[in-house]
Amino acid sequence: MITNYTVTGMTCGHCVNHVTEEVSALEGVQAVDVQLEGGTMAVTSDAEIDFALIQEAVTEAGDDYTVAKA
């Protein structure tokens, strides 16, 4: 399943890498596609990932990042 999100606060490629790394580490996540332009993130997973875990991973990647379901 693919779930789409909007991520704000990212300003560069390093931001994208940090968000990708943190979200990819969540159990059940198969792939993460983060796009700086437009601030989108598509998460491919075995089953639905608890949104609180997604929020925690994005915040761990950077205190200035916020995420919302698209």
C-alpha atoms as a PDB file:
ATOM      1  CA  MET A   1       0.000   0.000   0.000  1.00  0.00           C
ATOM      2  CA  ILE A   2       1.121   3.562  -0.722  1.00  0.00           C
ATOM      3  CA  THR A   3       0.269   6.420   1.627  1.00  0.00           C
ATOM      4  CA  ASN A   4       0.931  10.032   0.623  1.00  0.00           C
ATOM      5  CA  TYR A   5       2.008  12.828   2.944  1.00  0.00           C
ATOM      6  CA  THR A   6       3.033  16.473   2.780  1.00  0.00           C
ATOM      7  CA  VAL A   7       6.268  17.402   4.554  1.00  0.00           C
ATOM      8  CA  THR A   8       7.097  21.040   5.272  1.00  0.00           C
ATOM      9  CA  GLY A   9      10.310  22.605   6.527  1.00  0.00           C
ATOM     10  CA  MET A  10      12.717  20.815   4.169  1.00  0.00           C
ATOM     11  CA  THR A  11      15.108  23.159   2.358  1.00  0.00           C
ATOM     12  CA  CYS A  12      17.713  20.937   0.654  1.00  0.00           C
ATOM     13  CA  GLY A  13      18.742  17.483  -0.456  1.00  0.00           C
ATOM     14  CA  HIS A  14      20.178  16.688   2.968  1.00  0.00           C
ATOM     15  CA  CYS A  15      16.734  17.300   4.462  1.00  0.00           C
ATOM     16  CA  VAL A  16      15.237  14.830   1.990  1.00  0.00           C
ATOM     17  CA  ASN A  17      17.901  12.259   2.894  1.00  0.00           C
ATOM     18  CA  HIS A  18      17.274  12.619   6.634  1.00  0.00           C
ATOM     19  CA  VAL A  19      13.498  12.230   6.277  1.00  0.00           C
ATOM     20  CA  THR A  20      13.922   9.275   3.923  1.00  0.00           C
ATOM     21  CA  GLU A  21      16.353   7.566   6.298  1.00  0.00           C
ATOM     22  CA  GLU A  22      14.192   7.993   9.407  1.00  0.00           C
ATOM     23  CA  VAL A  23      10.912   6.921   7.788  1.00  0.00           C
ATOM     24  CA  SER A  24      12.590   3.996   6.004  1.00  0.00           C
ATOM     25  CA  ALA A  25      13.691   2.637   9.381  1.00  0.00           C
ATOM     26  CA  LEU A  26      10.089   2.136  10.529  1.00  0.00           C
ATOM     27  CA  GLU A  27       8.921  -1.461  10.712  1.00  0.00           C
ATOM     28  CA  GLY A  28       6.856  -2.471   7.699  1.00  0.00           C
ATOM     29  CA  VAL A  29       8.096   0.319   5.423  1.00  0.00           C
ATOM     30  CA  GLN A  30       9.258  -1.020   2.053  1.00  0.00           C
ATOM     31  CA  ALA A  31      10.095   2.244   0.270  1.00  0.00           C
ATOM     32  CA  VAL A  32      10.005   6.009   0.808  1.00  0.00           C
ATOM     33  CA  ASP A  33       9.947   8.611  -1.965  1.00  0.00           C
ATOM     34  CA  VAL A  34      10.484  12.170  -0.695  1.00  0.00           C
ATOM     35  CA  GLN A  35      10.380  15.084  -3.130  1.00  0.00           C
ATOM     36  CA  LEU A  36      11.821  18.438  -2.031  1.00  0.00           C
ATOM     37  CA  GLU A  37       9.888  20.342  -4.694  1.00  0.00           C
ATOM     38  CA  GLY A  38       6.289  20.246  -3.567  1.00  0.00           C
ATOM     39  CA  GLY A  39       7.176  18.698  -0.194  1.00  0.00           C
ATOM     40  CA  THR A  40       5.632  15.318  -0.923  1.00  0.00           C
ATOM     41  CA  MET A  41       6.376  11.921   0.569  1.00  0.00           C
ATOM     42  CA  ALA A  42       5.001   8.579  -0.603  1.00  0.00           C
ATOM     43  CA  VAL A  43       5.454   5.663   1.802  1.00  0.00           C
ATOM     44  CA  THR A  44       5.093   2.119   0.492  1.00  0.00           C
ATOM     45  CA  SER A  45       4.397  -0.387   3.264  1.00  0.00           C
ATOM     46  CA  ASP A  46       3.073  -3.876   4.019  1.00  0.00           C
ATOM     47  CA  ALA A  47       0.192  -2.417   6.008  1.00  0.00           C
ATOM     48  CA  GLU A  48      -0.910   1.004   7.213  1.00  0.00           C
ATOM     49  CA  ILE A  49       1.737   2.669   9.378  1.00  0.00           C
ATOM     50  CA  ASP A  50       0.456   4.497  12.471  1.00  0.00           C
ATOM     51  CA  PHE A  51       0.530   8.227  11.662  1.00  0.00           C
ATOM     52  CA  ALA A  52       2.057   8.961  15.096  1.00  0.00           C
ATOM     53  CA  LEU A  53       5.085   6.847  14.113  1.00  0.00           C
ATOM     54  CA  ILE A  54       5.409   8.754  10.830  1.00  0.00           C
ATOM     55  CA  GLN A  55       5.242  12.060  12.740  1.00  0.00           C
ATOM     56  CA  GLU A  56       7.862  10.882  15.219  1.00  0.00           C
ATOM     57  CA  ALA A  57      10.233   9.781  12.437  1.00  0.00           C
ATOM     58  CA  VAL A  58       9.865  13.073  10.539  1.00  0.00           C
ATOM     59  CA  THR A  59      10.440  15.099  13.718  1.00  0.00           C
ATOM     60  CA  GLU A  60      13.487  12.947  14.517  1.00  0.00           C
ATOM     61  CA  ALA A  61      14.852  13.808  11.063  1.00  0.00           C
ATOM     62  CA  GLY A  62      14.576  17.518  11.835  1.00  0.00           C
ATOM     63  CA  ASP A  63      12.854  19.588  14.505  1.00  0.00           C
ATOM     64  CA  ASP A  64      11.616  22.074  11.877  1.00  0.00           C
ATOM     65  CA  TYR A  65       9.881  19.422   9.746  1.00  0.00           C
ATOM     66  CA  THR A  66       6.161  18.790   9.952  1.00  0.00           C
ATOM     67  CA  VAL A  67       4.091  16.137   8.226  1.00  0.00           C
ATOM     68  CA  ALA A  68       0.418  15.839   7.304  1.00  0.00           C
ATOM     69  CA  LYS A  69      -1.575  13.252   5.414  1.00  0.00           C
ATOM     70  CA  ALA A  70      -2.065  14.374   1.831  1.00  0.00           C
END
